[in-house]
């Protein structure tokens, strides 16, 4: 990901899909004693959907 001050326009459908996928990833990790890797999964989801 890049760190720039450019505005990024993301369609509402894409934002909804990202939200659903992130929530699903978090739910899967919620029941684990040590939920490692959820941040990496969230980054991957965003990269897949936006780029």
N, C-alpha and C. Protein backbone atom coordinates (compact mmCIF):
# COMPACT_ATOMS: atom_id res chain seq x y z
N UNK A 1 0.83 -1.17 0.00
CA UNK A 1 0.00 0.00 0.00
C UNK A 1 0.88 1.24 0.00
N UNK A 2 0.36 2.28 -0.54
CA UNK A 2 1.13 3.51 -0.58
C UNK A 2 0.60 4.50 0.44
N UNK A 3 1.48 5.38 0.89
CA UNK A 3 1.10 6.44 1.81
C UNK A 3 1.10 7.75 1.06
N UNK A 4 -0.03 8.11 0.49
CA UNK A 4 -0.13 9.37 -0.22
C UNK A 4 -1.37 10.10 0.25
N UNK A 5 -1.42 11.36 -0.05
CA UNK A 5 -2.56 12.18 0.36
C UNK A 5 -3.61 12.28 -0.73
N UNK A 6 -3.52 11.46 -1.75
CA UNK A 6 -4.49 11.47 -2.83
C UNK A 6 -5.81 10.87 -2.36
N UNK A 7 -6.91 11.49 -2.78
CA UNK A 7 -8.22 10.94 -2.47
C UNK A 7 -8.47 9.73 -3.35
N UNK A 8 -9.00 8.70 -2.75
CA UNK A 8 -9.32 7.49 -3.49
C UNK A 8 -10.83 7.33 -3.47
N UNK A 9 -11.40 7.15 -4.64
CA UNK A 9 -12.84 6.95 -4.74
C UNK A 9 -13.11 5.46 -4.92
N UNK A 10 -13.85 4.90 -3.98
CA UNK A 10 -14.17 3.48 -4.03
C UNK A 10 -15.68 3.34 -4.09
N UNK A 11 -16.19 2.61 -5.07
CA UNK A 11 -17.64 2.45 -5.19
C UNK A 11 -18.26 1.82 -3.94
N UNK A 12 -19.50 2.18 -3.66
CA UNK A 12 -20.20 1.67 -2.48
C UNK A 12 -20.27 0.15 -2.48
N UNK A 13 -20.45 -0.45 -3.66
CA UNK A 13 -20.53 -1.91 -3.73
C UNK A 13 -19.23 -2.56 -3.28
N UNK A 14 -18.12 -1.94 -3.66
CA UNK A 14 -16.81 -2.47 -3.26
C UNK A 14 -16.61 -2.32 -1.76
N UNK A 15 -16.99 -1.17 -1.22
CA UNK A 15 -16.87 -0.97 0.23
C UNK A 15 -17.72 -1.98 1.00
N UNK A 16 -18.91 -2.25 0.51
CA UNK A 16 -19.77 -3.24 1.17
C UNK A 16 -19.14 -4.62 1.12
N UNK A 17 -18.56 -4.98 -0.02
CA UNK A 17 -17.91 -6.29 -0.17
C UNK A 17 -16.71 -6.39 0.77
N UNK A 18 -15.92 -5.32 0.87
CA UNK A 18 -14.76 -5.30 1.77
C UNK A 18 -15.23 -5.49 3.21
N UNK A 19 -16.25 -4.74 3.59
CA UNK A 19 -16.78 -4.84 4.96
C UNK A 19 -17.23 -6.26 5.27
N UNK A 20 -17.97 -6.86 4.37
CA UNK A 20 -18.45 -8.23 4.58
C UNK A 20 -17.29 -9.21 4.73
N UNK A 21 -16.31 -9.08 3.86
CA UNK A 21 -15.17 -10.00 3.90
C UNK A 21 -14.34 -9.82 5.17
N UNK A 22 -14.14 -8.56 5.59
CA UNK A 22 -13.37 -8.29 6.80
C UNK A 22 -14.10 -8.83 8.02
N UNK A 23 -15.40 -8.60 8.11
CA UNK A 23 -16.17 -9.12 9.23
C UNK A 23 -16.13 -10.64 9.29
N UNK A 24 -16.20 -11.28 8.14
CA UNK A 24 -16.13 -12.74 8.09
C UNK A 24 -14.76 -13.23 8.57
N UNK A 25 -13.70 -12.56 8.15
CA UNK A 25 -12.35 -12.94 8.59
C UNK A 25 -12.22 -12.76 10.10
N UNK A 26 -12.76 -11.68 10.63
CA UNK A 26 -12.68 -11.45 12.08
C UNK A 26 -13.50 -12.49 12.85
N UNK A 27 -14.67 -12.87 12.33
CA UNK A 27 -15.49 -13.88 12.99
C UNK A 27 -14.75 -15.21 13.07
N UNK A 28 -14.06 -15.58 12.00
CA UNK A 28 -13.33 -16.84 11.98
C UNK A 28 -12.22 -16.86 13.02
N UNK A 29 -11.60 -15.71 13.25
CA UNK A 29 -10.50 -15.63 14.22
C UNK A 29 -10.99 -15.44 15.65
N UNK A 30 -12.23 -15.01 15.83
CA UNK A 30 -12.76 -14.67 17.14
C UNK A 30 -12.70 -15.83 18.14
N UNK A 31 -12.95 -17.03 17.67
CA UNK A 31 -13.00 -18.19 18.56
C UNK A 31 -11.65 -18.81 18.84
N UNK A 32 -10.60 -18.28 18.24
CA UNK A 32 -9.27 -18.83 18.46
C UNK A 32 -8.65 -18.24 19.72
N UNK A 33 -7.84 -19.03 20.41
CA UNK A 33 -7.16 -18.53 21.60
C UNK A 33 -6.15 -17.45 21.23
N UNK A 34 -5.53 -17.60 20.07
CA UNK A 34 -4.50 -16.66 19.63
C UNK A 34 -4.79 -16.27 18.18
N UNK A 35 -5.60 -15.25 17.95
CA UNK A 35 -6.04 -14.91 16.60
C UNK A 35 -4.98 -14.17 15.77
N UNK A 36 -3.88 -14.81 15.53
CA UNK A 36 -2.81 -14.19 14.75
C UNK A 36 -3.18 -14.13 13.27
N UNK A 37 -2.70 -13.10 12.62
CA UNK A 37 -2.83 -13.03 11.18
C UNK A 37 -4.06 -12.32 10.66
N UNK A 38 -4.96 -11.87 11.54
CA UNK A 38 -6.18 -11.24 11.05
C UNK A 38 -5.86 -9.91 10.38
N UNK A 39 -4.88 -9.19 10.87
CA UNK A 39 -4.50 -7.91 10.25
C UNK A 39 -3.97 -8.15 8.84
N UNK A 40 -3.16 -9.18 8.68
CA UNK A 40 -2.65 -9.51 7.35
C UNK A 40 -3.78 -9.89 6.41
N UNK A 41 -4.76 -10.63 6.91
CA UNK A 41 -5.91 -11.00 6.09
C UNK A 41 -6.69 -9.77 5.66
N UNK A 42 -6.88 -8.82 6.58
CA UNK A 42 -7.61 -7.60 6.26
C UNK A 42 -6.87 -6.80 5.20
N UNK A 43 -5.56 -6.70 5.33
CA UNK A 43 -4.77 -5.99 4.31
C UNK A 43 -4.90 -6.67 2.96
N UNK A 44 -4.84 -7.99 2.93
CA UNK A 44 -4.98 -8.74 1.67
C UNK A 44 -6.35 -8.50 1.03
N UNK A 45 -7.39 -8.50 1.85
CA UNK A 45 -8.75 -8.27 1.34
C UNK A 45 -8.82 -6.89 0.68
N UNK A 46 -8.31 -5.88 1.35
CA UNK A 46 -8.36 -4.53 0.82
C UNK A 46 -7.56 -4.42 -0.47
N UNK A 47 -6.37 -5.01 -0.48
CA UNK A 47 -5.55 -4.98 -1.69
C UNK A 47 -6.26 -5.67 -2.87
N UNK A 48 -6.88 -6.81 -2.61
CA UNK A 48 -7.59 -7.54 -3.66
C UNK A 48 -8.75 -6.73 -4.22
N UNK A 49 -9.47 -6.07 -3.37
CA UNK A 49 -10.67 -5.35 -3.77
C UNK A 49 -10.39 -3.99 -4.40
N UNK A 50 -9.33 -3.33 -3.96
CA UNK A 50 -9.08 -1.96 -4.40
C UNK A 50 -8.10 -1.89 -5.56
N UNK A 51 -7.09 -2.77 -5.56
CA UNK A 51 -6.05 -2.65 -6.59
C UNK A 51 -6.26 -3.59 -7.71
